[in-house]
């Protein structure tokens, strides 16, 4: 991968048209490995990191930096490990309203 992919002429860039990258449940230990993807892939709008070791333990500073790289391009970082599943949010990731809630299961006093 070129060190400064974004500065290269369009026809020479790698993954120039890639918009979604799903890194879910891989063994990516550090978010810094994904900084390149978020920062150097010009059309990347969705990066999914759910289930990776760093996504579970969460290094907040790196996570926020990774998220800010994507947000500058109008993109989203998805980590359902920390954020909760997106299917519970009204309108998916672009939702502006409050998240939808799932009603708790009804449990009687005797446990039935």
PDB file of N, CA and C in Angstrom:
ATOM      1  N   UNK A   1       0.838  -1.167   0.000  1.00  0.00           N
ATOM      2  CA  UNK A   1       0.000   0.000   0.000  1.00  0.00           C
ATOM      3  C   UNK A   1       0.896   1.247   0.000  1.00  0.00           C
ATOM      4  N   UNK A   2       0.584   2.216  -0.837  1.00  0.00           N
ATOM      5  CA  UNK A   2       1.382   3.447  -0.853  1.00  0.00           C
ATOM      6  C   UNK A   2       1.247   4.200   0.470  1.00  0.00           C
ATOM      7  N   UNK A   3       2.341   4.785   0.903  1.00  0.00           N
ATOM      8  CA  UNK A   3       2.342   5.507   2.179  1.00  0.00           C
ATOM      9  C   UNK A   3       1.340   6.654   2.190  1.00  0.00           C
ATOM     10  N   UNK A   4       1.260   7.413   1.077  1.00  0.00           N
ATOM     11  CA  UNK A   4       0.334   8.539   1.006  1.00  0.00           C
ATOM     12  C   UNK A   4      -0.617   8.330  -0.176  1.00  0.00           C
ATOM     13  N   UNK A   5      -1.475   7.360  -0.029  1.00  0.00           N
ATOM     14  CA  UNK A   5      -2.405   6.964  -1.081  1.00  0.00           C
ATOM     15  C   UNK A   5      -3.297   8.120  -1.534  1.00  0.00           C
ATOM     16  N   UNK A   6      -3.761   8.912  -0.622  1.00  0.00           N
ATOM     17  CA  UNK A   6      -4.714   9.989  -0.909  1.00  0.00           C
ATOM     18  C   UNK A   6      -4.101  11.070  -1.801  1.00  0.00           C
ATOM     19  N   UNK A   7      -2.778  11.237  -1.750  1.00  0.00           N
ATOM     20  CA  UNK A   7      -2.101  12.274  -2.538  1.00  0.00           C
ATOM     21  C   UNK A   7      -1.748  11.809  -3.952  1.00  0.00           C
ATOM     22  N   UNK A   8      -1.887  10.535  -4.209  1.00  0.00           N
ATOM     23  CA  UNK A   8      -1.538  10.000  -5.523  1.00  0.00           C
ATOM     24  C   UNK A   8      -2.605  10.376  -6.549  1.00  0.00           C
ATOM     25  N   UNK A   9      -2.238  10.379  -7.836  1.00  0.00           N
ATOM     26  CA  UNK A   9      -3.256  10.606  -8.878  1.00  0.00           C
ATOM     27  C   UNK A   9      -4.353   9.548  -8.769  1.00  0.00           C
ATOM     28  N   UNK A  10      -5.564   9.937  -9.046  1.00  0.00           N
ATOM     29  CA  UNK A  10      -6.733   9.071  -8.864  1.00  0.00           C
ATOM     30  C   UNK A  10      -6.552   7.681  -9.486  1.00  0.00           C
ATOM     31  N   UNK A  11      -6.011   7.610 -10.676  1.00  0.00           N
ATOM     32  CA  UNK A  11      -5.864   6.334 -11.372  1.00  0.00           C
ATOM     33  C   UNK A  11      -4.799   5.437 -10.752  1.00  0.00           C
ATOM     34  N   UNK A  12      -3.954   5.962  -9.864  1.00  0.00           N
ATOM     35  CA  UNK A  12      -2.905   5.168  -9.233  1.00  0.00           C
ATOM     36  C   UNK A  12      -3.225   4.795  -7.784  1.00  0.00           C
ATOM     37  N   UNK A  13      -4.289   5.335  -7.219  1.00  0.00           N
ATOM     38  CA  UNK A  13      -4.660   5.020  -5.837  1.00  0.00           C
ATOM     39  C   UNK A  13      -5.115   3.566  -5.711  1.00  0.00           C
ATOM     40  N   UNK A  14      -4.842   2.978  -4.550  1.00  0.00           N
ATOM     41  CA  UNK A  14      -5.358   1.643  -4.265  1.00  0.00           C
ATOM     42  C   UNK A  14      -6.723   1.770  -3.608  1.00  0.00           C
ATOM     43  N   UNK A  15      -7.604   0.875  -3.911  1.00  0.00           N
ATOM     44  CA  UNK A  15      -8.961   0.837  -3.344  1.00  0.00           C
ATOM     45  C   UNK A  15      -9.657   2.195  -3.429  1.00  0.00           C
ATOM     46  N   UNK A  16      -9.522   2.850  -4.545  1.00  0.00           N
ATOM     47  CA  UNK A  16     -10.053   4.198  -4.725  1.00  0.00           C
ATOM     48  C   UNK A  16     -11.570   4.264  -4.581  1.00  0.00           C
ATOM     49  N   UNK A  17     -12.276   3.192  -4.921  1.00  0.00           N
ATOM     50  CA  UNK A  17     -13.734   3.220  -4.901  1.00  0.00           C
ATOM     51  C   UNK A  17     -14.340   2.462  -3.724  1.00  0.00           C
ATOM     52  N   UNK A  18     -13.507   1.961  -2.839  1.00  0.00           N
ATOM     53  CA  UNK A  18     -13.996   1.209  -1.686  1.00  0.00           C
ATOM     54  C   UNK A  18     -14.766   2.133  -0.748  1.00  0.00           C
ATOM     55  N   UNK A  19     -16.023   1.791  -0.459  1.00  0.00           N
ATOM     56  CA  UNK A  19     -16.869   2.615   0.411  1.00  0.00           C
ATOM     57  C   UNK A  19     -17.154   1.960   1.760  1.00  0.00           C
ATOM     58  N   UNK A  20     -17.173   0.638   1.815  1.00  0.00           N
ATOM     59  CA  UNK A  20     -17.471  -0.085   3.055  1.00  0.00           C
ATOM     60  C   UNK A  20     -16.401  -1.130   3.304  1.00  0.00           C
ATOM     61  N   UNK A  21     -15.937  -1.184   4.543  1.00  0.00           N
ATOM     62  CA  UNK A  21     -14.919  -2.161   4.917  1.00  0.00           C
ATOM     63  C   UNK A  21     -15.345  -2.804   6.227  1.00  0.00           C
ATOM     64  N   UNK A  22     -15.559  -4.110   6.192  1.00  0.00           N
ATOM     65  CA  UNK A  22     -16.011  -4.834   7.366  1.00  0.00           C
ATOM     66  C   UNK A  22     -14.850  -5.629   7.949  1.00  0.00           C
ATOM     67  N   UNK A  23     -14.321  -5.139   9.068  1.00  0.00           N
ATOM     68  CA  UNK A  23     -13.224  -5.799   9.776  1.00  0.00           C
ATOM     69  C   UNK A  23     -13.738  -6.578  10.978  1.00  0.00           C
ATOM     70  N   UNK A  24     -15.031  -6.875  11.010  1.00  0.00           N
ATOM     71  CA  UNK A  24     -15.634  -7.548  12.165  1.00  0.00           C
ATOM     72  C   UNK A  24     -14.971  -8.878  12.467  1.00  0.00           C
ATOM     73  N   UNK A  25     -14.755  -9.115  13.760  1.00  0.00           N
ATOM     74  CA  UNK A  25     -14.293 -10.388  14.288  1.00  0.00           C
ATOM     75  C   UNK A  25     -13.000 -10.874  13.642  1.00  0.00           C
ATOM     76  N   UNK A  26     -12.064  -9.965  13.458  1.00  0.00           N
ATOM     77  CA  UNK A  26     -10.709 -10.290  13.024  1.00  0.00           C
ATOM     78  C   UNK A  26      -9.788 -10.137  14.226  1.00  0.00           C
ATOM     79  N   UNK A  27      -8.556 -10.457  14.055  1.00  0.00           N
ATOM     80  CA  UNK A  27      -7.603 -10.311  15.152  1.00  0.00           C
ATOM     81  C   UNK A  27      -6.766  -9.062  14.885  1.00  0.00           C
ATOM     82  N   UNK A  28      -7.425  -7.918  14.859  1.00  0.00           N
ATOM     83  CA  UNK A  28      -6.747  -6.634  14.700  1.00  0.00           C
ATOM     84  C   UNK A  28      -6.606  -6.080  16.116  1.00  0.00           C
ATOM     85  N   UNK A  29      -5.378  -6.072  16.634  1.00  0.00           N
ATOM     86  CA  UNK A  29      -5.155  -5.713  18.030  1.00  0.00           C
ATOM     87  C   UNK A  29      -5.224  -4.221  18.312  1.00  0.00           C
ATOM     88  N   UNK A  30      -4.839  -3.390  17.361  1.00  0.00           N
ATOM     89  CA  UNK A  30      -4.765  -1.959  17.625  1.00  0.00           C
ATOM     90  C   UNK A  30      -5.483  -1.164  16.543  1.00  0.00           C
ATOM     91  N   UNK A  31      -6.191  -0.126  16.985  1.00  0.00           N
ATOM     92  CA  UNK A  31      -6.883   0.722  16.023  1.00  0.00           C
ATOM     93  C   UNK A  31      -5.914   1.419  15.089  1.00  0.00           C
ATOM     94  N   UNK A  32      -4.694   1.653  15.523  1.00  0.00           N
ATOM     95  CA  UNK A  32      -3.738   2.371  14.678  1.00  0.00           C
ATOM     96  C   UNK A  32      -3.527   1.656  13.352  1.00  0.00           C
ATOM     97  N   UNK A  33      -3.733   0.331  13.303  1.00  0.00           N
ATOM     98  CA  UNK A  33      -3.621  -0.390  12.040  1.00  0.00           C
ATOM     99  C   UNK A  33      -4.730   0.013  11.071  1.00  0.00           C
ATOM    100  N   UNK A  34      -5.836   0.497  11.601  1.00  0.00           N
ATOM    101  CA  UNK A  34      -6.963   0.897  10.760  1.00  0.00           C
ATOM    102  C   UNK A  34      -6.945   2.380  10.420  1.00  0.00           C
ATOM    103  N   UNK A  35      -6.041   3.140  11.024  1.00  0.00           N
ATOM    104  CA  UNK A  35      -5.943   4.570  10.713  1.00  0.00           C
ATOM    105  C   UNK A  35      -5.677   4.778   9.222  1.00  0.00           C
ATOM    106  N   UNK A  36      -4.826   3.919   8.664  1.00  0.00           N
ATOM    107  CA  UNK A  36      -4.529   4.026   7.231  1.00  0.00           C
ATOM    108  C   UNK A  36      -5.821   3.919   6.422  1.00  0.00           C
ATOM    109  N   UNK A  37      -6.625   2.919   6.737  1.00  0.00           N
ATOM    110  CA  UNK A  37      -7.884   2.718   5.994  1.00  0.00           C
ATOM    111  C   UNK A  37      -8.785   3.935   6.121  1.00  0.00           C
ATOM    112  N   UNK A  38      -8.951   4.431   7.322  1.00  0.00           N
ATOM    113  CA  UNK A  38      -9.850   5.564   7.562  1.00  0.00           C
ATOM    114  C   UNK A  38      -9.327   6.854   6.949  1.00  0.00           C
ATOM    115  N   UNK A  39      -8.020   7.001   6.904  1.00  0.00           N
ATOM    116  CA  UNK A  39      -7.410   8.253   6.474  1.00  0.00           C
ATOM    117  C   UNK A  39      -6.970   8.249   5.010  1.00  0.00           C
ATOM    118  N   UNK A  40      -6.592   7.104   4.472  1.00  0.00           N
ATOM    119  CA  UNK A  40      -5.978   7.050   3.146  1.00  0.00           C
ATOM    120  C   UNK A  40      -6.859   6.432   2.055  1.00  0.00           C
ATOM    121  N   UNK A  41      -8.011   5.899   2.402  1.00  0.00           N
ATOM    122  CA  UNK A  41      -8.927   5.384   1.388  1.00  0.00           C
ATOM    123  C   UNK A  41      -9.987   6.454   1.164  1.00  0.00           C
ATOM    124  N   UNK A  42      -9.916   7.166   0.050  1.00  0.00           N
ATOM    125  CA  UNK A  42     -10.663   8.406  -0.129  1.00  0.00           C
ATOM    126  C   UNK A  42     -12.181   8.294  -0.071  1.00  0.00           C
ATOM    127  N   UNK A  43     -12.742   7.150  -0.443  1.00  0.00           N
ATOM    128  CA  UNK A  43     -14.196   7.027  -0.478  1.00  0.00           C
ATOM    129  C   UNK A  43     -14.764   6.141   0.619  1.00  0.00           C
ATOM    130  N   UNK A  44     -13.922   5.745   1.572  1.00  0.00           N
ATOM    131  CA  UNK A  44     -14.395   4.893   2.658  1.00  0.00           C
ATOM    132  C   UNK A  44     -15.382   5.662   3.530  1.00  0.00           C
ATOM    133  N   UNK A  45     -16.599   5.141   3.640  1.00  0.00           N
ATOM    134  CA  UNK A  45     -17.651   5.797   4.415  1.00  0.00           C
ATOM    135  C   UNK A  45     -18.115   4.962   5.599  1.00  0.00           C
ATOM    136  N   UNK A  46     -17.826   3.672   5.586  1.00  0.00           N
ATOM    137  CA  UNK A  46     -18.291   2.793   6.651  1.00  0.00           C
ATOM    138  C   UNK A  46     -17.183   1.812   7.003  1.00  0.00           C
ATOM    139  N   UNK A  47     -16.753   1.844   8.255  1.00  0.00           N
ATOM    140  CA  UNK A  47     -15.738   0.920   8.757  1.00  0.00           C
ATOM    141  C   UNK A  47     -16.335   0.209   9.957  1.00  0.00           C
ATOM    142  N   UNK A  48     -16.443  -1.117   9.865  1.00  0.00           N
ATOM    143  CA  UNK A  48     -17.047  -1.923  10.928  1.00  0.00           C
ATOM    144  C   UNK A  48     -15.938  -2.674  11.649  1.00  0.00           C
ATOM    145  N   UNK A  49     -15.844  -2.483  12.965  1.00  0.00           N
ATOM    146  CA  UNK A  49     -14.761  -3.071  13.755  1.00  0.00           C
ATOM    147  C   UNK A  49     -15.264  -3.981  14.877  1.00  0.00           C
ATOM    148  N   UNK A  50     -16.533  -4.291  14.895  1.00  0.00           N
ATOM    149  CA  UNK A  50     -17.151  -5.115  15.936  1.00  0.00           C
ATOM    150  C   UNK A  50     -16.397  -6.420  16.159  1.00  0.00           C
ATOM    151  N   UNK A  51     -16.162  -6.757  17.437  1.00  0.00           N
ATOM    152  CA  UNK A  51     -15.613  -8.049  17.798  1.00  0.00           C
ATOM    153  C   UNK A  51     -14.106  -8.173  17.757  1.00  0.00           C
ATOM    154  N   UNK A  52     -13.395  -7.120  17.393  1.00  0.00           N
ATOM    155  CA  UNK A  52     -11.938  -7.145  17.432  1.00  0.00           C
ATOM    156  C   UNK A  52     -11.479  -6.899  18.866  1.00  0.00           C
ATOM    157  N   UNK A  53     -10.286  -7.380  19.226  1.00  0.00           N
ATOM    158  CA  UNK A  53      -9.820  -7.181  20.607  1.00  0.00           C
ATOM    159  C   UNK A  53      -9.864  -5.719  21.052  1.00  0.00           C
ATOM    160  N   UNK A  54      -9.418  -4.771  20.226  1.00  0.00           N
ATOM    161  CA  UNK A  54      -9.440  -3.367  20.629  1.00  0.00           C
ATOM    162  C   UNK A  54     -10.858  -2.838  20.711  1.00  0.00           C
ATOM    163  N   UNK A  55     -11.773  -3.407  19.920  1.00  0.00           N
ATOM    164  CA  UNK A  55     -13.162  -2.953  19.942  1.00  0.00           C
ATOM    165  C   UNK A  55     -13.841  -3.366  21.236  1.00  0.00           C
ATOM    166  N   UNK A  56     -13.419  -4.467  21.796  1.00  0.00           N
ATOM    167  CA  UNK A  56     -14.010  -4.958  23.037  1.00  0.00           C
ATOM    168  C   UNK A  56     -13.424  -4.214  24.234  1.00  0.00           C
ATOM    169  N   UNK A  57     -12.091  -4.083  24.291  1.00  0.00           N
ATOM    170  CA  UNK A  57     -11.455  -3.409  25.425  1.00  0.00           C
ATOM    171  C   UNK A  57     -11.532  -1.905  25.286  1.00  0.00           C
ATOM    172  N   UNK A  58     -11.476  -1.407  24.058  1.00  0.00           N
ATOM    173  CA  UNK A  58     -11.664   0.010  23.761  1.00  0.00           C
ATOM    174  C   UNK A  58     -10.584   0.934  24.306  1.00  0.00           C
ATOM    175  N   UNK A  59      -9.710   1.405  23.441  1.00  0.00           N
ATOM    176  CA  UNK A  59      -8.784   2.475  23.791  1.00  0.00           C
ATOM    177  C   UNK A  59      -9.448   3.745  23.294  1.00  0.00           C
ATOM    178  N   UNK A  60     -10.058   4.484  24.193  1.00  0.00           N
ATOM    179  CA  UNK A  60     -10.937   5.580  23.806  1.00  0.00           C
ATOM    180  C   UNK A  60     -10.268   6.623  22.913  1.00  0.00           C
ATOM    181  N   UNK A  61      -9.038   7.005  23.204  1.00  0.00           N
ATOM    182  CA  UNK A  61      -8.364   8.038  22.399  1.00  0.00           C
ATOM    183  C   UNK A  61      -8.201   7.585  20.957  1.00  0.00           C
ATOM    184  N   UNK A  62      -7.744   6.352  20.757  1.00  0.00           N
ATOM    185  CA  UNK A  62      -7.584   5.829  19.399  1.00  0.00           C
ATOM    186  C   UNK A  62      -8.925   5.641  18.719  1.00  0.00           C
ATOM    187  N   UNK A  63      -9.902   5.168  19.467  1.00  0.00           N
ATOM    188  CA  UNK A  63     -11.236   4.963  18.914  1.00  0.00           C
ATOM    189  C   UNK A  63     -11.820   6.291  18.425  1.00  0.00           C
ATOM    190  N   UNK A  64     -11.685   7.342  19.231  1.00  0.00           N
ATOM    191  CA  UNK A  64     -12.214   8.658  18.855  1.00  0.00           C
ATOM    192  C   UNK A  64     -11.473   9.232  17.651  1.00  0.00           C
ATOM    193  N   UNK A  65     -10.166   9.001  17.566  1.00  0.00           N
ATOM    194  CA  UNK A  65      -9.395   9.472  16.422  1.00  0.00           C
ATOM    195  C   UNK A  65      -9.824   8.756  15.147  1.00  0.00           C
ATOM    196  N   UNK A  66      -9.987   7.464  15.229  1.00  0.00           N
ATOM    197  CA  UNK A  66     -10.452   6.680  14.089  1.00  0.00           C
ATOM    198  C   UNK A  66     -11.834   7.156  13.645  1.00  0.00           C
ATOM    199  N   UNK A  67     -12.707   7.387  14.602  1.00  0.00           N
ATOM    200  CA  UNK A  67     -14.048   7.885  14.308  1.00  0.00           C
ATOM    201  C   UNK A  67     -13.997   9.274  13.668  1.00  0.00           C
ATOM    202  N   UNK A  68     -13.108  10.141  14.133  1.00  0.00           N
ATOM    203  CA  UNK A  68     -13.028  11.496  13.584  1.00  0.00           C
ATOM    204  C   UNK A  68     -12.526  11.490  12.137  1.00  0.00           C
ATOM    205  N   UNK A  69     -11.587  10.586  11.800  1.00  0.00           N
ATOM    206  CA  UNK A  69     -11.124  10.467  10.410  1.00  0.00           C
ATOM    207  C   UNK A  69     -12.301  10.172   9.482  1.00  0.00           C
ATOM    208  N   UNK A  70     -13.151   9.257   9.906  1.00  0.00           N
ATOM    209  CA  UNK A  70     -14.292   8.880   9.076  1.00  0.00           C
ATOM    210  C   UNK A  70     -15.348   9.977   9.030  1.00  0.00           C
ATOM    211  N   UNK A  71     -15.607  10.612  10.161  1.00  0.00           N
ATOM    212  CA  UNK A  71     -16.625  11.663  10.205  1.00  0.00           C
ATOM    213  C   UNK A  71     -16.248  12.853   9.330  1.00  0.00           C
ATOM    214  N   UNK A  72     -14.968  13.138   9.186  1.00  0.00           N
ATOM    215  CA  UNK A  72     -14.523  14.236   8.317  1.00  0.00           C
ATOM    216  C   UNK A  72     -14.923  13.996   6.873  1.00  0.00           C
ATOM    217  N   UNK A  73     -15.098  12.731   6.498  1.00  0.00           N
ATOM    218  CA  UNK A  73     -15.498  12.381   5.144  1.00  0.00           C
ATOM    219  C   UNK A  73     -16.992  12.063   5.074  1.00  0.00           C
ATOM    220  N   UNK A  74     -17.704  12.303   6.167  1.00  0.00           N
ATOM    221  CA  UNK A  74     -19.130  11.977   6.209  1.00  0.00           C
ATOM    222  C   UNK A  74     -19.381  10.504   6.441  1.00  0.00           C
ATOM    223  N   UNK A  75     -18.385   9.812   6.997  1.00  0.00           N
ATOM    224  CA  UNK A  75     -18.495   8.373   7.208  1.00  0.00           C
ATOM    225  C   UNK A  75     -18.820   8.008   8.642  1.00  0.00           C
ATOM    226  N   UNK A  76     -18.879   6.692   8.881  1.00  0.00           N
ATOM    227  CA  UNK A  76     -19.262   6.160  10.189  1.00  0.00           C
ATOM    228  C   UNK A  76     -18.323   5.044  10.606  1.00  0.00           C
ATOM    229  N   UNK A  77     -18.045   4.985  11.906  1.00  0.00           N
ATOM    230  CA  UNK A  77     -17.335   3.870  12.515  1.00  0.00           C
ATOM    231  C   UNK A  77     -18.380   3.070  13.276  1.00  0.00           C
ATOM    232  N   UNK A  78     -18.450   1.779  13.021  1.00  0.00           N
ATOM    233  CA  UNK A  78     -19.434   0.932  13.685  1.00  0.00           C
ATOM    234  C   UNK A  78     -18.711  -0.056  14.572  1.00  0.00           C
ATOM    235  N   UNK A  79     -19.057  -0.027  15.856  1.00  0.00           N
ATOM    236  CA  UNK A  79     -18.544  -0.981  16.832  1.00  0.00           C
ATOM    237  C   UNK A  79     -19.714  -1.365  17.713  1.00  0.00           C
ATOM    238  N   UNK A  80     -20.426  -2.391  17.319  1.00  0.00           N
ATOM    239  CA  UNK A  80     -21.592  -2.800  18.085  1.00  0.00           C
ATOM    240  C   UNK A  80     -21.212  -3.344  19.452  1.00  0.00           C
ATOM    241  N   UNK A  81     -19.942  -3.684  19.641  1.00  0.00           N
ATOM    242  CA  UNK A  81     -19.469  -4.138  20.942  1.00  0.00           C
ATOM    243  C   UNK A  81     -19.650  -3.033  21.975  1.00  0.00           C
ATOM    244  N   UNK A  82     -19.389  -1.764  21.577  1.00  0.00           N
ATOM    245  CA  UNK A  82     -19.522  -0.635  22.487  1.00  0.00           C
ATOM    246  C   UNK A  82     -20.820   0.149  22.280  1.00  0.00           C
ATOM    247  N   UNK A  83     -21.275   0.272  21.032  1.00  0.00           N
ATOM    248  CA  UNK A  83     -22.410   1.129  20.705  1.00  0.00           C
ATOM    249  C   UNK A  83     -23.758   0.441  20.792  1.00  0.00           C
ATOM    250  N   UNK A  84     -23.800  -0.864  20.863  1.00  0.00           N
ATOM    251  CA  UNK A  84     -25.064  -1.578  20.786  1.00  0.00           C
ATOM    252  C   UNK A  84     -25.453  -1.773  19.335  1.00  0.00           C
ATOM    253  N   UNK A  85     -26.289  -2.748  19.066  1.00  0.00           N
ATOM    254  CA  UNK A  85     -26.633  -3.041  17.683  1.00  0.00           C
ATOM    255  C   UNK A  85     -27.370  -1.899  17.003  1.00  0.00           C
ATOM    256  N   UNK A  86     -27.028  -1.659  15.742  1.00  0.00           N
ATOM    257  CA  UNK A  86     -27.631  -0.554  15.001  1.00  0.00           C
ATOM    258  C   UNK A  86     -29.087  -0.813  14.668  1.00  0.00           C
ATOM    259  N   UNK A  87     -29.532  -2.068  14.689  1.00  0.00           N
ATOM    260  CA  UNK A  87     -30.924  -2.337  14.359  1.00  0.00           C
ATOM    261  C   UNK A  87     -31.873  -1.821  15.434  1.00  0.00           C
ATOM    262  N   UNK A  88     -31.343  -1.439  16.598  1.00  0.00           N
ATOM    263  CA  UNK A  88     -32.193  -0.873  17.644  1.00  0.00           C
ATOM    264  C   UNK A  88     -32.339   0.640  17.518  1.00  0.00           C
ATOM    265  N   UNK A  89     -31.641   1.240  16.568  1.00  0.00           N
ATOM    266  CA  UNK A  89     -31.688   2.689  16.405  1.00  0.00           C
ATOM    267  C   UNK A  89     -32.630   3.051  15.276  1.00  0.00           C
ATOM    268  N   UNK A  90     -33.466   4.024  15.510  1.00  0.00           N
ATOM    269  CA  UNK A  90     -34.416   4.468  14.498  1.00  0.00           C
ATOM    270  C   UNK A  90     -33.665   4.994  13.292  1.00  0.00           C
ATOM    271  N   UNK A  91     -33.913   4.423  12.117  1.00  0.00           N
ATOM    272  CA  UNK A  91     -33.278   4.879  10.885  1.00  0.00           C
ATOM    273  C   UNK A  91     -31.850   4.399  10.714  1.00  0.00           C
ATOM    274  N   UNK A  92     -31.401   3.430  11.482  1.00  0.00           N
ATOM    275  CA  UNK A  92     -30.040   2.916  11.325  1.00  0.00           C
ATOM    276  C   UNK A  92     -29.005   3.909  11.805  1.00  0.00           C
ATOM    277  N   UNK A  93     -27.847   3.931  11.144  1.00  0.00           N
ATOM    278  CA  UNK A  93     -26.725   4.747  11.589  1.00  0.00           C
ATOM    279  C   UNK A  93     -26.959   6.231  11.384  1.00  0.00           C
ATOM    280  N   UNK A  94     -27.840   6.601  10.471  1.00  0.00           N
ATOM    281  CA  UNK A  94     -28.051   8.010  10.181  1.00  0.00           C
ATOM    282  C   UNK A  94     -29.148   8.610  11.056  1.00  0.00           C
ATOM    283  N   UNK A  95     -29.591   7.874  12.057  1.00  0.00           N
ATOM    284  CA  UNK A  95     -30.716   8.312  12.879  1.00  0.00           C
ATOM    285  C   UNK A  95     -30.402   9.595  13.636  1.00  0.00           C
ATOM    286  N   UNK A  96     -31.376  10.465  13.675  1.00  0.00           N
ATOM    287  CA  UNK A  96     -31.250  11.681  14.468  1.00  0.00           C
ATOM    288  C   UNK A  96     -32.090  11.592  15.727  1.00  0.00           C
ATOM    289  N   UNK A  97     -33.100  10.753  15.704  1.00  0.00           N
ATOM    290  CA  UNK A  97     -33.998  10.612  16.848  1.00  0.00           C
ATOM    291  C   UNK A  97     -33.432   9.682  17.896  1.00  0.00           C
ATOM    292  N   UNK A  98     -34.143   9.520  18.997  1.00  0.00           N
ATOM    293  CA  UNK A  98     -33.670   8.640  20.067  1.00  0.00           C
ATOM    294  C   UNK A  98     -33.718   7.182  19.622  1.00  0.00           C
ATOM    295  N   UNK A  99     -32.864   6.334  20.216  1.00  0.00           N
ATOM    296  CA  UNK A  99     -32.867   4.929  19.830  1.00  0.00           C
ATOM    297  C   UNK A  99     -34.172   4.260  20.229  1.00  0.00           C
ATOM    298  N   UNK A 100     -34.567   3.282  19.451  1.00  0.00           N
ATOM    299  CA  UNK A 100     -35.723   2.487  19.804  1.00  0.00           C
ATOM    300  C   UNK A 100     -35.318   1.532  20.911  1.00  0.00           C
ATOM    301  N   UNK A 101     -36.243   1.132  21.730  1.00  0.00           N
ATOM    302  CA  UNK A 101     -35.918   0.208  22.803  1.00  0.00           C
ATOM    303  C   UNK A 101     -36.662  -1.095  22.595  1.00  0.00           C
ATOM    304  N   UNK A 102     -36.105  -2.158  23.109  1.00  0.00           N
ATOM    305  CA  UNK A 102     -36.741  -3.465  23.068  1.00  0.00           C
ATOM    306  C   UNK A 102     -37.387  -3.680  24.425  1.00  0.00           C
ATOM    307  N   UNK A 103     -38.694  -3.995  24.456  1.00  0.00           N
ATOM    308  CA  UNK A 103     -39.347  -4.164  25.756  1.00  0.00           C
ATOM    309  C   UNK A 103     -38.749  -5.323  26.531  1.00  0.00           C
ATOM    310  N   UNK A 104     -38.585  -5.161  27.846  1.00  0.00           N
ATOM    311  CA  UNK A 104     -38.037  -6.260  28.646  1.00  0.00           C
ATOM    312  C   UNK A 104     -39.008  -7.432  28.673  1.00  0.00           C
ATOM    313  N   UNK A 105     -38.464  -8.620  28.859  1.00  0.00           N
ATOM    314  CA  UNK A 105     -39.319  -9.806  28.930  1.00  0.00           C
ATOM    315  C   UNK A 105     -40.137  -9.738  30.206  1.00  0.00           C
ATOM    316  N   UNK A 106     -41.373 -10.170  30.108  1.00  0.00           N
ATOM    317  CA  UNK A 106     -42.257 -10.175  31.272  1.00  0.00           C
ATOM    318  C   UNK A 106     -41.893 -11.383  32.141  1.00  0.00           C
ATOM    319  N   UNK A 107     -41.588 -11.158  33.394  1.00  0.00           N
ATOM    320  CA  UNK A 107     -41.250 -12.228  34.323  1.00  0.00           C
ATOM    321  C   UNK A 107     -42.172 -12.092  35.530  1.00  0.00           C
ATOM    322  N   UNK A 108     -42.830 -13.154  35.859  1.00  0.00           N
ATOM    323  CA  UNK A 108     -43.715 -13.135  37.016  1.00  0.00           C
ATOM    324  C   UNK A 108     -42.891 -13.352  38.267  1.00  0.00           C
ATOM    325  N   UNK A 109     -43.524 -13.154  39.412  1.00  0.00           N
ATOM    326  CA  UNK A 109     -42.797 -13.300  40.676  1.00  0.00           C
ATOM    327  C   UNK A 109     -42.312 -14.705  40.924  1.00  0.00           C
ATOM    328  N   UNK A 110     -42.996 -15.700  40.398  1.00  0.00           N
ATOM    329  CA  UNK A 110     -42.546 -17.065  40.628  1.00  0.00           C
ATOM    330  C   UNK A 110     -41.569 -17.540  39.569  1.00  0.00           C
ATOM    331  N   UNK A 111     -41.118 -16.630  38.678  1.00  0.00           N
ATOM    332  CA  UNK A 111     -40.079 -16.938  37.716  1.00  0.00           C
ATOM    333  C   UNK A 111     -40.582 -17.509  36.415  1.00  0.00           C
ATOM    334  N   UNK A 112     -41.900 -17.559  36.200  1.00  0.00           N
ATOM    335  CA  UNK A 112     -42.448 -18.121  34.958  1.00  0.00           C
ATOM    336  C   UNK A 112     -42.590 -17.047  33.906  1.00  0.00           C
TER     337      UNK A 112
END
